[in-house]
Amino acid sequence: MTTLDTPAPADRAARLLDRTLAGPGAGRTNYLEPKGDPGFFGPDSMAWKVHANPIALAIGGVAAVILELAEPRVRSGVWDHSIFRTDPLTRMQRTGEATLITTYGPTKAAQARVDMVTRMHARVSGVTPEGQAYTALEPELMTWVHITAGWGFLNAYRRYVEPGMSLADQDRYHAEGGRLGRAFGAVDPPGSVAEVDAWFDRMRPKLVPHPIIGEFLHIVSTTSPLGLAGRALQPLVVQAAIDLLPRDLVRKLELPANGLGLAAAKPLLRGLALAAGRAPGEVVRQAHARVGRRLA
């Protein structure tokens, strides 16, 4: 039996994952000040709702990276100019931290993180092994990265938290996200599900399988700051991310699939997602307090 003072295992796991996603630098951001500052989105936004769930962020984030690594220019930019291969845990935590700061942080902190990431991207350029020149700030690439992140987070949330989300709310999520996309360099980011789908159709011919995708999936499946429990959970997150992708892209990218294993894991992932919804993380709580909103 679980007492009110002792969280159930699912609640403890969800809270630990939330702290992990926040990253070691999250404590340096003051989410409580200045009072009344809504940040980029504000408490009534879809982003504040969707990004509060660490399970959706974890699954959606892996799905997004698969789609990004399938684009040769993005793949070279990520793999050749980041620490993912040498320090994947820090790289994943930085990504989670950036998502939380740009979503829940006060305006000044969110803009500072955008500026920092943009400065880093400005130094990223090169030529893919196939001979394609690229720069990280190329508008099409920045737009694709913006789209894949939002698509992953939203659809993981729909799959594991709110399957009945209306199309109007899905459109609102994409429309609200346009501000952040433009801040990062996306040009005319899509503002609806239909526009996102059109971008997927545009990019499909450019997405190809590559051994680096398999290397990424292996790293994510075996790397976790949560100890033995995390190492057991990570392969489930990876399979859930693959399952989230459009079927034609799973086949085209030659992604591994474990239908039976995922079928058994889905109840656990849903349980963790619901537990996370019952126990919002500290970042989410502080952001709501900053704007004078009380969480249940």
Protein backbone atom coordinates (compact mmCIF):
# COMPACT_ATOMS: atom_id res chain seq x y z
CA MET A 1 0.00 0.00 0.00
CA THR A 2 1.19 3.53 -0.77
CA THR A 3 0.66 6.29 1.78
CA LEU A 4 0.04 9.91 0.92
CA ASP A 5 3.57 10.72 2.06
CA THR A 6 5.21 8.01 -0.04
CA PRO A 7 4.76 8.38 -3.80
CA ALA A 8 3.97 5.27 -5.81
CA PRO A 9 6.85 3.85 -7.90
CA ALA A 10 5.40 5.33 -11.09
CA ASP A 11 5.21 8.76 -9.49
CA ARG A 12 8.79 8.51 -8.23
CA ALA A 13 10.03 7.43 -11.66
CA ALA A 14 8.17 10.26 -13.38
CA ARG A 15 9.58 12.85 -10.95
CA LEU A 16 13.11 11.52 -11.40
CA LEU A 17 12.78 11.65 -15.18
CA ASP A 18 11.51 15.21 -14.90
CA ARG A 19 14.60 16.24 -12.93
CA THR A 20 16.81 14.46 -15.44
CA LEU A 21 15.25 16.26 -18.40
CA ALA A 22 15.67 19.58 -16.62
CA GLY A 23 19.42 19.06 -16.70
CA PRO A 24 22.10 20.29 -14.32
CA GLY A 25 21.78 23.89 -15.51
CA ALA A 26 18.07 24.23 -14.81
CA GLY A 27 18.80 25.31 -11.24
CA ARG A 28 20.64 28.36 -12.58
CA THR A 29 17.44 29.68 -14.16
CA ASN A 30 15.11 31.60 -11.87
CA TYR A 31 11.62 30.51 -12.92
CA LEU A 32 10.00 32.48 -10.10
CA GLU A 33 10.99 35.98 -11.24
CA PRO A 34 10.05 38.49 -12.50
CA LYS A 35 6.52 38.16 -11.24
CA GLY A 36 3.85 38.18 -13.94
CA ASP A 37 6.27 37.52 -16.83
CA PRO A 38 4.58 34.91 -19.08
CA GLY A 39 7.72 34.09 -21.07
CA PHE A 40 7.37 33.10 -24.71
CA PHE A 41 4.12 31.18 -24.23
CA GLY A 42 2.28 31.76 -20.97
CA PRO A 43 0.16 29.53 -18.72
CA ASP A 44 -2.80 29.20 -21.08
CA SER A 45 -0.68 27.97 -23.97
CA MET A 46 -0.61 24.47 -25.38
CA ALA A 47 3.17 24.40 -24.89
CA TRP A 48 2.80 24.79 -21.12
CA LYS A 49 0.35 21.89 -21.17
CA VAL A 50 2.22 19.51 -23.48
CA HIS A 51 5.79 20.18 -22.35
CA ALA A 52 4.89 19.61 -18.70
CA ASN A 53 4.95 15.86 -19.30
CA PRO A 54 8.47 14.37 -19.20
CA ILE A 55 7.35 11.09 -20.76
CA ALA A 56 5.99 12.89 -23.83
CA LEU A 57 9.19 14.95 -24.02
CA ALA A 58 11.40 11.85 -23.79
CA ILE A 59 9.54 9.81 -26.41
CA GLY A 60 8.85 12.77 -28.69
CA GLY A 61 12.43 13.99 -28.42
CA VAL A 62 13.86 10.67 -29.62
CA ALA A 63 11.36 10.58 -32.51
CA ALA A 64 12.38 14.11 -33.49
CA VAL A 65 16.09 13.25 -33.54
CA ILE A 66 15.44 10.21 -35.74
CA LEU A 67 13.71 12.47 -38.26
CA GLU A 68 16.53 15.02 -38.05
CA LEU A 69 19.29 12.44 -38.51
CA ALA A 70 17.48 11.10 -41.56
CA GLU A 71 18.21 14.42 -43.33
CA PRO A 72 21.87 14.22 -44.47
CA ARG A 73 22.76 17.87 -43.82
CA VAL A 74 21.23 17.88 -40.35
CA ARG A 75 22.85 14.52 -39.63
CA SER A 76 26.32 15.80 -40.45
CA GLY A 77 25.76 18.99 -38.49
CA VAL A 78 24.66 17.10 -35.37
CA TRP A 79 27.12 14.22 -35.55
CA ASP A 80 30.22 16.17 -36.58
CA HIS A 81 29.72 19.28 -34.44
CA SER A 82 28.25 18.13 -31.13
CA ILE A 83 29.29 16.03 -28.15
CA PHE A 84 26.58 13.42 -28.72
CA ARG A 85 28.99 10.60 -29.55
CA THR A 86 31.39 11.36 -26.69
CA ASP A 87 28.99 12.57 -23.98
CA PRO A 88 25.43 11.63 -24.97
CA LEU A 89 24.00 12.12 -21.49
CA THR A 90 25.11 15.75 -21.25
CA ARG A 91 23.88 16.41 -24.79
CA MET A 92 20.42 14.99 -24.01
CA GLN A 93 20.21 16.94 -20.76
CA ARG A 94 21.14 20.19 -22.50
CA THR A 95 18.37 19.62 -25.04
CA GLY A 96 15.81 18.95 -22.30
CA GLU A 97 17.00 21.98 -20.37
CA ALA A 98 16.67 24.21 -23.44
CA THR A 99 13.10 23.00 -24.00
CA LEU A 100 12.11 23.80 -20.43
CA ILE A 101 13.80 27.21 -20.36
CA THR A 102 12.31 28.36 -23.68
CA THR A 103 8.88 27.06 -22.65
CA TYR A 104 8.62 28.01 -18.98
CA GLY A 105 11.41 30.50 -18.38
CA PRO A 106 10.82 34.24 -18.09
CA THR A 107 11.25 36.14 -21.34
CA LYS A 108 14.82 37.30 -20.68
CA ALA A 109 16.05 33.80 -19.81
CA ALA A 110 14.26 32.21 -22.77
CA GLN A 111 15.72 34.76 -25.19
CA ALA A 112 19.19 34.28 -23.68
CA ARG A 113 18.99 30.55 -24.33
CA VAL A 114 17.85 31.14 -27.92
CA ASP A 115 20.76 33.55 -28.43
CA MET A 116 23.25 31.06 -26.98
CA VAL A 117 22.04 28.23 -29.21
CA THR A 118 22.05 30.52 -32.25
CA ARG A 119 25.66 31.51 -31.58
CA MET A 120 26.61 27.84 -31.40
CA HIS A 121 24.76 27.08 -34.63
CA ALA A 122 26.51 29.95 -36.40
CA ARG A 123 29.77 28.03 -36.07
CA VAL A 124 28.37 24.84 -37.62
CA SER A 125 28.98 24.30 -41.32
CA GLY A 126 30.57 21.73 -43.56
CA VAL A 127 30.03 19.24 -46.34
CA THR A 128 28.21 15.92 -45.96
CA PRO A 129 29.91 12.68 -47.07
CA GLU A 130 27.57 12.82 -50.06
CA GLY A 131 28.99 16.21 -51.05
CA GLN A 132 26.15 18.49 -49.87
CA ALA A 133 27.28 21.77 -48.34
CA TYR A 134 25.38 22.86 -45.25
CA THR A 135 25.20 25.47 -42.53
CA ALA A 136 23.21 24.94 -39.35
CA LEU A 137 21.40 28.26 -39.81
CA GLU A 138 20.09 27.35 -43.27
CA PRO A 139 16.38 28.25 -43.10
CA GLU A 140 15.09 24.90 -44.41
CA LEU A 141 17.16 22.97 -41.88
CA MET A 142 16.19 25.20 -38.97
CA THR A 143 12.54 24.90 -39.96
CA TRP A 144 12.79 21.10 -40.18
CA VAL A 145 14.40 20.85 -36.74
CA HIS A 146 11.68 23.11 -35.30
CA ILE A 147 8.94 21.05 -36.95
CA THR A 148 10.28 17.67 -35.87
CA ALA A 149 10.61 18.73 -32.22
CA GLY A 150 7.07 20.08 -32.03
CA TRP A 151 5.66 17.12 -33.99
CA GLY A 152 7.39 14.66 -31.67
CA PHE A 153 6.35 16.31 -28.41
CA LEU A 154 2.75 16.85 -29.49
CA ASN A 155 2.17 13.38 -30.91
CA ALA A 156 3.81 11.61 -27.98
CA TYR A 157 1.54 13.62 -25.69
CA ARG A 158 -1.48 12.62 -27.76
CA ARG A 159 -0.44 8.97 -27.77
CA TYR A 160 0.32 8.60 -24.08
CA VAL A 161 -1.55 11.38 -22.28
CA GLU A 162 -4.49 12.81 -24.23
CA PRO A 163 -5.55 10.65 -27.19
CA GLY A 164 -8.72 12.71 -27.67
CA MET A 165 -7.02 16.07 -28.16
CA SER A 166 -9.00 18.14 -30.67
CA LEU A 167 -7.61 19.16 -34.03
CA ALA A 168 -8.15 22.79 -33.00
CA ASP A 169 -5.83 22.34 -30.00
CA GLN A 170 -3.25 20.60 -32.16
CA ASP A 171 -3.35 23.49 -34.62
CA ARG A 172 -3.03 25.94 -31.73
CA TYR A 173 0.07 24.14 -30.47
CA HIS A 174 1.79 24.55 -33.84
CA ALA A 175 0.60 28.13 -34.31
CA GLU A 176 1.84 29.19 -30.86
CA GLY A 177 5.17 27.50 -31.49
CA GLY A 178 5.84 29.76 -34.45
CA ARG A 179 7.31 32.46 -32.21
CA LEU A 180 10.01 30.12 -30.94
CA GLY A 181 10.63 28.70 -34.39
CA ARG A 182 11.18 32.15 -35.87
CA ALA A 183 13.46 33.08 -32.96
CA PHE A 184 15.67 30.10 -33.83
CA GLY A 185 15.73 30.96 -37.53
CA ALA A 186 12.84 29.00 -39.00
CA VAL A 187 11.25 30.86 -41.91
CA ASP A 188 7.45 30.89 -41.97
CA PRO A 189 7.09 27.89 -39.62
CA PRO A 190 3.89 25.88 -40.08
CA GLY A 191 0.97 26.90 -37.92
CA SER A 192 -1.35 23.92 -38.25
CA VAL A 193 -1.39 20.13 -38.52
CA ALA A 194 -2.11 20.40 -42.25
CA GLU A 195 0.91 22.66 -42.77
CA VAL A 196 3.13 20.33 -40.76
CA ASP A 197 1.91 17.39 -42.87
CA ALA A 198 2.77 19.35 -46.01
CA TRP A 199 6.30 19.85 -44.68
CA PHE A 200 6.62 16.10 -44.06
CA ASP A 201 5.61 15.50 -47.70
CA ARG A 202 8.21 18.05 -48.79
CA MET A 203 10.99 16.44 -46.77
CA ARG A 204 10.19 12.75 -47.37
CA PRO A 205 12.27 12.49 -50.57
CA LYS A 206 15.28 13.90 -48.68
CA LEU A 207 15.10 11.47 -45.74
CA VAL A 208 17.32 8.40 -46.04
CA PRO A 209 18.49 5.54 -43.83
CA HIS A 210 22.00 5.72 -42.42
CA PRO A 211 24.09 3.72 -39.91
CA ILE A 212 24.35 6.83 -37.70
CA ILE A 213 20.63 6.54 -36.95
CA GLY A 214 21.25 3.03 -35.64
CA GLU A 215 24.21 4.29 -33.63
CA PHE A 216 22.05 7.03 -32.13
CA LEU A 217 19.32 4.53 -31.19
CA HIS A 218 21.91 2.27 -29.54
CA ILE A 219 23.31 5.18 -27.53
CA VAL A 220 19.88 6.29 -26.35
CA SER A 221 18.84 2.71 -25.55
CA THR A 222 21.85 2.16 -23.31
CA THR A 223 22.47 5.60 -21.79
CA SER A 224 20.54 6.81 -18.77
CA PRO A 225 21.22 8.88 -15.64
CA LEU A 226 18.57 6.88 -13.77
CA GLY A 227 20.69 3.82 -12.98
CA LEU A 228 19.37 0.31 -13.54
CA ALA A 229 15.75 1.49 -13.71
CA GLY A 230 16.65 4.01 -16.39
CA ARG A 231 18.56 1.49 -18.46
CA ALA A 232 15.50 -0.74 -18.37
CA LEU A 233 13.23 2.14 -19.40
CA GLN A 234 15.34 3.59 -22.23
CA PRO A 235 14.77 0.77 -24.77
CA LEU A 236 11.02 1.17 -24.22
CA VAL A 237 11.28 4.91 -24.89
CA VAL A 238 13.19 4.19 -28.11
CA GLN A 239 10.63 1.65 -29.31
CA ALA A 240 7.80 4.05 -28.45
CA ALA A 241 9.56 6.79 -30.45
CA ILE A 242 9.91 4.53 -33.50
CA ASP A 243 6.28 3.47 -33.15
CA LEU A 244 5.26 7.14 -33.13
CA LEU A 245 6.71 7.79 -36.61
CA PRO A 246 4.67 7.46 -39.82
CA ARG A 247 4.71 3.84 -40.99
CA ASP A 248 6.16 4.67 -44.39
CA LEU A 249 9.13 6.42 -42.77
CA VAL A 250 9.76 3.52 -40.39
CA ARG A 251 10.08 1.29 -43.46
CA LYS A 252 12.07 3.78 -45.54
CA LEU A 253 14.55 4.48 -42.72
CA GLU A 254 14.86 0.73 -42.00
CA LEU A 255 14.15 1.24 -38.33
CA PRO A 256 13.97 -1.74 -35.96
CA ALA A 257 10.54 -2.53 -34.61
CA ASN A 258 9.49 -4.72 -31.70
CA GLY A 259 5.73 -4.78 -31.79
CA LEU A 260 5.26 -7.39 -29.07
CA GLY A 261 7.68 -5.70 -26.71
CA LEU A 262 6.09 -2.31 -27.26
CA ALA A 263 2.59 -3.70 -26.77
CA ALA A 264 3.68 -4.94 -23.38
CA ALA A 265 5.43 -1.67 -22.57
CA LYS A 266 2.65 0.75 -23.55
CA PRO A 267 0.67 0.34 -20.30
CA LEU A 268 3.83 1.15 -18.32
CA LEU A 269 4.59 4.22 -20.43
CA ARG A 270 0.99 5.42 -20.13
CA GLY A 271 1.14 4.88 -16.38
CA LEU A 272 4.32 6.92 -16.13
CA ALA A 273 2.85 9.67 -18.29
CA LEU A 274 -0.28 9.85 -16.15
CA ALA A 275 1.84 9.85 -12.99
CA ALA A 276 3.84 12.75 -14.37
CA GLY A 277 0.58 14.61 -14.98
CA ARG A 278 -0.40 14.15 -11.34
CA ALA A 279 2.95 15.42 -10.09
CA PRO A 280 4.16 18.38 -12.17
CA GLY A 281 7.88 19.04 -11.97
CA GLU A 282 9.47 21.85 -10.02
CA VAL A 283 10.11 23.94 -13.14
CA VAL A 284 6.44 23.77 -14.10
CA ARG A 285 5.33 24.63 -10.57
CA GLN A 286 7.66 27.61 -10.29
CA ALA A 287 6.61 28.97 -13.68
CA HIS A 288 2.95 28.84 -12.67
CA ALA A 289 3.77 30.53 -9.37
CA ARG A 290 5.57 33.30 -11.26
CA VAL A 291 2.38 34.19 -13.11
CA GLY A 292 0.13 33.73 -10.11
CA ARG A 293 -1.45 30.44 -11.13
CA ARG A 294 -2.03 27.62 -8.65
CA LEU A 295 -1.56 24.03 -9.72
CA ALA A 296 -3.84 21.37 -8.30
